[in-house]
PDB file of all heavy atoms in Angstrom:
ATOM      1  N   GLU A   1     -10.276  -3.746  -9.454  1.00  0.00           N
ATOM      2  CA  GLU A   1      -8.955  -4.264  -9.409  1.00  0.00           C
ATOM      3  C   GLU A   1      -8.191  -3.742  -8.201  1.00  0.00           C
ATOM      4  O   GLU A   1      -8.478  -2.663  -7.663  1.00  0.00           O
ATOM      5  CB  GLU A   1      -8.146  -3.913 -10.647  1.00  0.00           C
ATOM      6  CG  GLU A   1      -7.892  -2.393 -10.875  1.00  0.00           C
ATOM      7  CD  GLU A   1      -7.146  -2.146 -12.124  1.00  0.00           C
ATOM      8  OE1 GLU A   1      -6.631  -3.055 -12.766  1.00  0.00           O
ATOM      9  OE2 GLU A   1      -7.089  -0.948 -12.464  1.00  0.00           O
ATOM     10  N   LEU A   2      -7.314  -4.551  -7.689  1.00  0.00           N
ATOM     11  CA  LEU A   2      -6.516  -4.231  -6.505  1.00  0.00           C
ATOM     12  C   LEU A   2      -5.413  -3.234  -6.944  1.00  0.00           C
ATOM     13  O   LEU A   2      -4.592  -3.573  -7.877  1.00  0.00           O
ATOM     14  CB  LEU A   2      -5.916  -5.439  -5.903  1.00  0.00           C
ATOM     15  CG  LEU A   2      -4.908  -5.264  -4.733  1.00  0.00           C
ATOM     16  CD1 LEU A   2      -5.629  -4.692  -3.541  1.00  0.00           C
ATOM     17  CD2 LEU A   2      -4.220  -6.541  -4.405  1.00  0.00           C
ATOM     18  N   VAL A   3      -5.385  -2.104  -6.325  1.00  0.00           N
ATOM     19  CA  VAL A   3      -4.284  -1.087  -6.641  1.00  0.00           C
ATOM     20  C   VAL A   3      -3.103  -1.385  -5.738  1.00  0.00           C
ATOM     21  O   VAL A   3      -1.985  -1.285  -6.243  1.00  0.00           O
ATOM     22  CB  VAL A   3      -4.829   0.300  -6.368  1.00  0.00           C
ATOM     23  CG1 VAL A   3      -3.752   1.355  -6.567  1.00  0.00           C
ATOM     24  CG2 VAL A   3      -6.071   0.589  -7.329  1.00  0.00           C
ATOM     25  N   GLY A   4      -3.333  -1.645  -4.506  1.00  0.00           N
ATOM     26  CA  GLY A   4      -2.233  -1.922  -3.591  1.00  0.00           C
ATOM     27  C   GLY A   4      -2.792  -2.314  -2.280  1.00  0.00           C
ATOM     28  O   GLY A   4      -3.932  -2.080  -1.916  1.00  0.00           O
ATOM     29  N   GLN A   5      -1.935  -2.915  -1.405  1.00  0.00           N
ATOM     30  CA  GLN A   5      -2.333  -3.251  -0.130  1.00  0.00           C
ATOM     31  C   GLN A   5      -1.134  -3.356   0.826  1.00  0.00           C
ATOM     32  O   GLN A   5      -0.057  -3.563   0.373  1.00  0.00           O
ATOM     33  CB  GLN A   5      -3.110  -4.630  -0.092  1.00  0.00           C
ATOM     34  CG  GLN A   5      -2.229  -5.839  -0.481  1.00  0.00           C
ATOM     35  CD  GLN A   5      -3.036  -7.136  -0.374  1.00  0.00           C
ATOM     36  OE1 GLN A   5      -4.203  -7.176  -0.774  1.00  0.00           O
ATOM     37  NE2 GLN A   5      -2.353  -8.204   0.030  1.00  0.00           N
ATOM     38  N   SER A   6      -1.447  -3.158   2.131  1.00  0.00           N
ATOM     39  CA  SER A   6      -0.411  -3.278   3.117  1.00  0.00           C
ATOM     40  C   SER A   6      -0.912  -4.157   4.234  1.00  0.00           C
ATOM     41  O   SER A   6      -2.086  -4.192   4.568  1.00  0.00           O
ATOM     42  CB  SER A   6      -0.012  -1.912   3.675  1.00  0.00           C
ATOM     43  OG  SER A   6      -1.060  -1.298   4.414  1.00  0.00           O
ATOM     44  N   THR A   7      -0.038  -4.943   4.801  1.00  0.00           N
ATOM     45  CA  THR A   7      -0.377  -5.892   5.861  1.00  0.00           C
ATOM     46  C   THR A   7       0.079  -5.290   7.156  1.00  0.00           C
ATOM     47  O   THR A   7       0.871  -4.335   7.217  1.00  0.00           O
ATOM     48  CB  THR A   7       0.257  -7.243   5.661  1.00  0.00           C
ATOM     49  OG1 THR A   7       1.680  -7.133   5.906  1.00  0.00           O
ATOM     50  CG2 THR A   7      -0.005  -7.855   4.263  1.00  0.00           C
ATOM     51  N   SER A   8      -0.439  -5.811   8.241  1.00  0.00           N
ATOM     52  CA  SER A   8      -0.034  -5.414   9.585  1.00  0.00           C
ATOM     53  C   SER A   8       1.442  -5.641   9.846  1.00  0.00           C
ATOM     54  O   SER A   8       2.012  -5.005  10.688  1.00  0.00           O
ATOM     55  CB  SER A   8      -0.912  -6.042  10.665  1.00  0.00           C
ATOM     56  OG  SER A   8      -0.784  -7.461  10.630  1.00  0.00           O
ATOM     57  N   GLY A   9       2.003  -6.582   9.119  1.00  0.00           N
ATOM     58  CA  GLY A   9       3.393  -6.902   9.285  1.00  0.00           C
ATOM     59  C   GLY A   9       4.325  -5.980   8.455  1.00  0.00           C
ATOM     60  O   GLY A   9       5.561  -6.051   8.558  1.00  0.00           O
ATOM     61  N   GLY A  10       3.736  -5.105   7.643  1.00  0.00           N
ATOM     62  CA  GLY A  10       4.510  -4.102   6.940  1.00  0.00           C
ATOM     63  C   GLY A  10       4.801  -4.405   5.487  1.00  0.00           C
ATOM     64  O   GLY A  10       5.503  -3.595   4.782  1.00  0.00           O
ATOM     65  N   SER A  11       4.332  -5.515   4.915  1.00  0.00           N
ATOM     66  CA  SER A  11       4.573  -5.825   3.565  1.00  0.00           C
ATOM     67  C   SER A  11       3.544  -5.074   2.682  1.00  0.00           C
ATOM     68  O   SER A  11       2.385  -4.897   3.033  1.00  0.00           O
ATOM     69  CB  SER A  11       4.397  -7.356   3.261  1.00  0.00           C
ATOM     70  OG  SER A  11       3.090  -7.809   3.454  1.00  0.00           O
ATOM     71  N   ILE A  12       3.963  -4.631   1.518  1.00  0.00           N
ATOM     72  CA  ILE A  12       3.153  -3.792   0.599  1.00  0.00           C
ATOM     73  C   ILE A  12       3.335  -4.353  -0.806  1.00  0.00           C
ATOM     74  O   ILE A  12       4.452  -4.708  -1.259  1.00  0.00           O
ATOM     75  CB  ILE A  12       3.594  -2.316   0.587  1.00  0.00           C
ATOM     76  CG1 ILE A  12       3.471  -1.743   2.060  1.00  0.00           C
ATOM     77  CG2 ILE A  12       2.778  -1.559  -0.277  1.00  0.00           C
ATOM     78  CD1 ILE A  12       4.030  -0.375   2.202  1.00  0.00           C
ATOM     79  N   ILE A  13       2.286  -4.411  -1.591  1.00  0.00           N
ATOM     80  CA  ILE A  13       2.238  -4.740  -2.911  1.00  0.00           C
ATOM     81  C   ILE A  13       1.414  -3.733  -3.698  1.00  0.00           C
ATOM     82  O   ILE A  13       0.538  -3.134  -3.179  1.00  0.00           O
ATOM     83  CB  ILE A  13       1.728  -6.201  -3.198  1.00  0.00           C
ATOM     84  CG1 ILE A  13       0.274  -6.292  -2.774  1.00  0.00           C
ATOM     85  CG2 ILE A  13       2.554  -7.265  -2.464  1.00  0.00           C
ATOM     86  CD1 ILE A  13      -0.437  -7.575  -3.173  1.00  0.00           C
ATOM     87  N   TYR A  14       1.740  -3.626  -5.045  1.00  0.00           N
ATOM     88  CA  TYR A  14       1.072  -2.749  -5.869  1.00  0.00           C
ATOM     89  C   TYR A  14       0.733  -3.302  -7.178  1.00  0.00           C
ATOM     90  O   TYR A  14       1.411  -4.262  -7.744  1.00  0.00           O
ATOM     91  CB  TYR A  14       2.030  -1.438  -6.157  1.00  0.00           C
ATOM     92  CG  TYR A  14       2.400  -0.650  -4.973  1.00  0.00           C
ATOM     93  CD1 TYR A  14       3.571  -0.787  -4.294  1.00  0.00           C
ATOM     94  CD2 TYR A  14       1.478   0.380  -4.521  1.00  0.00           C
ATOM     95  CE1 TYR A  14       3.874   0.005  -3.214  1.00  0.00           C
ATOM     96  CE2 TYR A  14       1.793   1.104  -3.380  1.00  0.00           C
ATOM     97  CZ  TYR A  14       2.987   0.871  -2.767  1.00  0.00           C
ATOM     98  OH  TYR A  14       3.305   1.684  -1.695  1.00  0.00           O
ATOM     99  N   LEU A  15      -0.297  -2.772  -7.850  1.00  0.00           N
ATOM    100  CA  LEU A  15      -0.575  -3.085  -9.253  1.00  0.00           C
ATOM    101  C   LEU A  15       0.599  -2.651 -10.080  1.00  0.00           C
ATOM    102  O   LEU A  15       1.167  -1.547  -9.851  1.00  0.00           O
ATOM    103  CB  LEU A  15      -1.884  -2.384  -9.633  1.00  0.00           C
ATOM    104  CG  LEU A  15      -2.430  -2.619 -11.007  1.00  0.00           C
ATOM    105  CD1 LEU A  15      -2.902  -4.029 -11.242  1.00  0.00           C
ATOM    106  CD2 LEU A  15      -3.490  -1.643 -11.261  1.00  0.00           C
ATOM    107  N   ASP A  16       0.984  -3.479 -11.009  1.00  0.00           N
ATOM    108  CA  ASP A  16       2.124  -3.110 -11.850  1.00  0.00           C
ATOM    109  C   ASP A  16       2.050  -1.723 -12.464  1.00  0.00           C
ATOM    110  O   ASP A  16       3.074  -0.979 -12.558  1.00  0.00           O
ATOM    111  CB  ASP A  16       2.370  -4.130 -12.969  1.00  0.00           C
ATOM    112  CG  ASP A  16       2.945  -5.489 -12.462  1.00  0.00           C
ATOM    113  OD1 ASP A  16       3.459  -5.496 -11.394  1.00  0.00           O
ATOM    114  OD2 ASP A  16       2.838  -6.451 -13.195  1.00  0.00           O
ATOM    115  N   SER A  17       0.880  -1.338 -12.917  1.00  0.00           N
ATOM    116  CA  SER A  17       0.763  -0.078 -13.668  1.00  0.00           C
ATOM    117  C   SER A  17       0.896   1.141 -12.776  1.00  0.00           C
ATOM    118  O   SER A  17       1.029   2.268 -13.262  1.00  0.00           O
ATOM    119  CB  SER A  17      -0.602  -0.023 -14.390  1.00  0.00           C
ATOM    120  OG  SER A  17      -1.685  -0.104 -13.536  1.00  0.00           O
ATOM    121  N   VAL A  18       0.851   0.987 -11.444  1.00  0.00           N
ATOM    122  CA  VAL A  18       1.040   2.090 -10.574  1.00  0.00           C
ATOM    123  C   VAL A  18       2.332   2.142  -9.783  1.00  0.00           C
ATOM    124  O   VAL A  18       2.588   3.079  -9.067  1.00  0.00           O
ATOM    125  CB  VAL A  18      -0.179   2.221  -9.542  1.00  0.00           C
ATOM    126  CG1 VAL A  18      -1.497   2.147 -10.243  1.00  0.00           C
ATOM    127  CG2 VAL A  18      -0.068   1.114  -8.429  1.00  0.00           C
ATOM    128  N   LYS A  19       3.122   1.060  -9.917  1.00  0.00           N
ATOM    129  CA  LYS A  19       4.384   1.004  -9.229  1.00  0.00           C
ATOM    130  C   LYS A  19       5.273   2.226  -9.633  1.00  0.00           C
ATOM    131  O   LYS A  19       5.439   2.588 -10.742  1.00  0.00           O
ATOM    132  CB  LYS A  19       5.148  -0.331  -9.557  1.00  0.00           C
ATOM    133  CG  LYS A  19       4.521  -1.543  -9.036  1.00  0.00           C
ATOM    134  CD  LYS A  19       5.310  -2.803  -9.350  1.00  0.00           C
ATOM    135  CE  LYS A  19       4.739  -3.984  -8.723  1.00  0.00           C
ATOM    136  NZ  LYS A  19       5.380  -5.259  -9.141  1.00  0.00           N
ATOM    137  N   GLY A  20       5.813   2.761  -8.609  1.00  0.00           N
ATOM    138  CA  GLY A  20       6.674   3.958  -8.779  1.00  0.00           C
ATOM    139  C   GLY A  20       5.934   5.257  -8.757  1.00  0.00           C
ATOM    140  O   GLY A  20       6.541   6.346  -8.682  1.00  0.00           O
ATOM    141  N   ARG A  21       4.620   5.178  -8.833  1.00  0.00           N
ATOM    142  CA  ARG A  21       3.774   6.367  -8.876  1.00  0.00           C
ATOM    143  C   ARG A  21       2.888   6.467  -7.588  1.00  0.00           C
ATOM    144  O   ARG A  21       2.644   7.614  -7.103  1.00  0.00           O
ATOM    145  CB  ARG A  21       2.911   6.466 -10.074  1.00  0.00           C
ATOM    146  CG  ARG A  21       3.668   6.481 -11.405  1.00  0.00           C
ATOM    147  CD  ARG A  21       2.736   6.769 -12.536  1.00  0.00           C
ATOM    148  NE  ARG A  21       1.712   5.668 -12.713  1.00  0.00           N
ATOM    149  CZ  ARG A  21       0.445   5.851 -12.662  1.00  0.00           C
ATOM    150  NH1 ARG A  21      -0.055   7.079 -12.415  1.00  0.00           N
ATOM    151  NH2 ARG A  21      -0.442   4.821 -12.823  1.00  0.00           N
ATOM    152  N   PHE A  22       2.368   5.347  -7.158  1.00  0.00           N
ATOM    153  CA  PHE A  22       1.486   5.330  -5.963  1.00  0.00           C
ATOM    154  C   PHE A  22       2.177   4.776  -4.778  1.00  0.00           C
ATOM    155  O   PHE A  22       3.059   3.881  -4.854  1.00  0.00           O
ATOM    156  CB  PHE A  22       0.274   4.412  -6.282  1.00  0.00           C
ATOM    157  CG  PHE A  22      -0.703   4.955  -7.264  1.00  0.00           C
ATOM    158  CD1 PHE A  22      -0.348   6.061  -8.052  1.00  0.00           C
ATOM    159  CD2 PHE A  22      -1.963   4.376  -7.389  1.00  0.00           C
ATOM    160  CE1 PHE A  22      -1.273   6.497  -8.973  1.00  0.00           C
ATOM    161  CE2 PHE A  22      -2.862   4.864  -8.348  1.00  0.00           C
ATOM    162  CZ  PHE A  22      -2.536   5.946  -9.133  1.00  0.00           C
ATOM    163  N   THR A  23       1.837   5.229  -3.625  1.00  0.00           N
ATOM    164  CA  THR A  23       2.421   4.812  -2.368  1.00  0.00           C
ATOM    165  C   THR A  23       1.349   4.632  -1.286  1.00  0.00           C
ATOM    166  O   THR A  23       0.556   5.558  -1.072  1.00  0.00           O
ATOM    167  CB  THR A  23       3.517   5.730  -1.860  1.00  0.00           C
ATOM    168  OG1 THR A  23       4.511   5.941  -2.774  1.00  0.00           O
ATOM    169  CG2 THR A  23       4.115   5.215  -0.610  1.00  0.00           C
ATOM    170  N   ILE A  24       1.333   3.421  -0.640  1.00  0.00           N
ATOM    171  CA  ILE A  24       0.446   3.231   0.455  1.00  0.00           C
ATOM    172  C   ILE A  24       1.194   3.485   1.764  1.00  0.00           C
ATOM    173  O   ILE A  24       2.277   3.028   1.879  1.00  0.00           O
ATOM    174  CB  ILE A  24      -0.172   1.851   0.430  1.00  0.00           C
ATOM    175  CG1 ILE A  24      -1.104   1.617  -0.779  1.00  0.00           C
ATOM    176  CG2 ILE A  24      -0.861   1.475   1.739  1.00  0.00           C
ATOM    177  CD1 ILE A  24      -1.514   0.198  -0.926  1.00  0.00           C
ATOM    178  N   SER A  25       0.550   4.151   2.691  1.00  0.00           N
ATOM    179  CA  SER A  25       1.088   4.344   3.998  1.00  0.00           C
ATOM    180  C   SER A  25      -0.027   4.155   5.029  1.00  0.00           C
ATOM    181  O   SER A  25      -1.184   4.330   4.771  1.00  0.00           O
ATOM    182  CB  SER A  25       1.779   5.617   4.118  1.00  0.00           C
ATOM    183  OG  SER A  25       0.877   6.758   3.918  1.00  0.00           O
ATOM    184  N   ARG A  26       0.417   3.872   6.248  1.00  0.00           N
ATOM    185  CA  ARG A  26      -0.514   3.748   7.433  1.00  0.00           C
ATOM    186  C   ARG A  26      -0.188   4.563   8.540  1.00  0.00           C
ATOM    187  O   ARG A  26       1.035   4.644   8.873  1.00  0.00           O
ATOM    188  CB  ARG A  26      -0.525   2.257   7.852  1.00  0.00           C
ATOM    189  CG  ARG A  26      -0.885   1.247   6.703  1.00  0.00           C
ATOM    190  CD  ARG A  26      -0.560  -0.178   7.196  1.00  0.00           C
ATOM    191  NE  ARG A  26      -1.417  -0.650   8.363  1.00  0.00           N
ATOM    192  CZ  ARG A  26      -2.103  -1.739   8.384  1.00  0.00           C
ATOM    193  NH1 ARG A  26      -1.966  -2.653   7.340  1.00  0.00           N
ATOM    194  NH2 ARG A  26      -2.819  -2.123   9.409  1.00  0.00           N
ATOM    195  N   ASP A  27      -1.091   5.166   9.143  1.00  0.00           N
ATOM    196  CA  ASP A  27      -0.921   5.904  10.377  1.00  0.00           C
ATOM    197  C   ASP A  27      -1.872   5.252  11.431  1.00  0.00           C
ATOM    198  O   ASP A  27      -3.081   5.635  11.531  1.00  0.00           O
ATOM    199  CB  ASP A  27      -1.279   7.382  10.222  1.00  0.00           C
ATOM    200  CG  ASP A  27      -0.877   8.194  11.447  1.00  0.00           C
ATOM    201  OD1 ASP A  27      -0.793   7.660  12.557  1.00  0.00           O
ATOM    202  OD2 ASP A  27      -0.601   9.389  11.282  1.00  0.00           O
ATOM    203  N   ASN A  28      -1.266   4.336  12.203  1.00  0.00           N
ATOM    204  CA  ASN A  28      -2.090   3.578  13.109  1.00  0.00           C
ATOM    205  C   ASN A  28      -2.700   4.471  14.252  1.00  0.00           C
ATOM    206  O   ASN A  28      -3.780   4.259  14.761  1.00  0.00           O
ATOM    207  CB  ASN A  28      -1.223   2.389  13.745  1.00  0.00           C
ATOM    208  CG  ASN A  28      -0.944   1.394  12.735  1.00  0.00           C
ATOM    209  OD1 ASN A  28      -1.788   1.113  11.868  1.00  0.00           O
ATOM    210  ND2 ASN A  28       0.118   0.662  12.945  1.00  0.00           N
ATOM    211  N   ALA A  29      -1.895   5.481  14.594  1.00  0.00           N
ATOM    212  CA  ALA A  29      -2.409   6.396  15.651  1.00  0.00           C
ATOM    213  C   ALA A  29      -3.594   7.100  15.200  1.00  0.00           C
ATOM    214  O   ALA A  29      -4.442   7.483  16.114  1.00  0.00           O
ATOM    215  CB  ALA A  29      -1.307   7.434  16.014  1.00  0.00           C
ATOM    216  N   LYS A  30      -3.767   7.415  13.964  1.00  0.00           N
ATOM    217  CA  LYS A  30      -4.954   8.115  13.420  1.00  0.00           C
ATOM    218  C   LYS A  30      -5.954   7.132  12.808  1.00  0.00           C
ATOM    219  O   LYS A  30      -6.979   7.623  12.254  1.00  0.00           O
ATOM    220  CB  LYS A  30      -4.472   9.143  12.369  1.00  0.00           C
ATOM    221  CG  LYS A  30      -3.633  10.218  12.951  1.00  0.00           C
ATOM    222  CD  LYS A  30      -3.275  11.289  11.797  1.00  0.00           C
ATOM    223  CE  LYS A  30      -2.442  12.392  12.356  1.00  0.00           C
ATOM    224  NZ  LYS A  30      -2.118  13.392  11.307  1.00  0.00           N
ATOM    225  N   ASN A  31      -5.641   5.871  12.819  1.00  0.00           N
ATOM    226  CA  ASN A  31      -6.532   4.846  12.220  1.00  0.00           C
ATOM    227  C   ASN A  31      -6.855   5.247  10.793  1.00  0.00           C
ATOM    228  O   ASN A  31      -7.995   5.138  10.310  1.00  0.00           O
ATOM    229  CB  ASN A  31      -7.840   4.753  13.044  1.00  0.00           C
ATOM    230  CG  ASN A  31      -7.598   4.203  14.477  1.00  0.00           C
ATOM    231  OD1 ASN A  31      -6.694   3.333  14.675  1.00  0.00           O
ATOM    232  ND2 ASN A  31      -8.361   4.705  15.424  1.00  0.00           N
TER     233      ASN A  31
END
C-alpha cells in the first residue's frame, strides 16, 4: 500500500491511517 508520496512540485499525500503521525520530506541536495 501507498504510505505517502511527494511530487517535484511540492504536493504531498498520505495514507489516512498515518496522517498526523508520518511526514515525508525531501533533501534534493543529498538526493
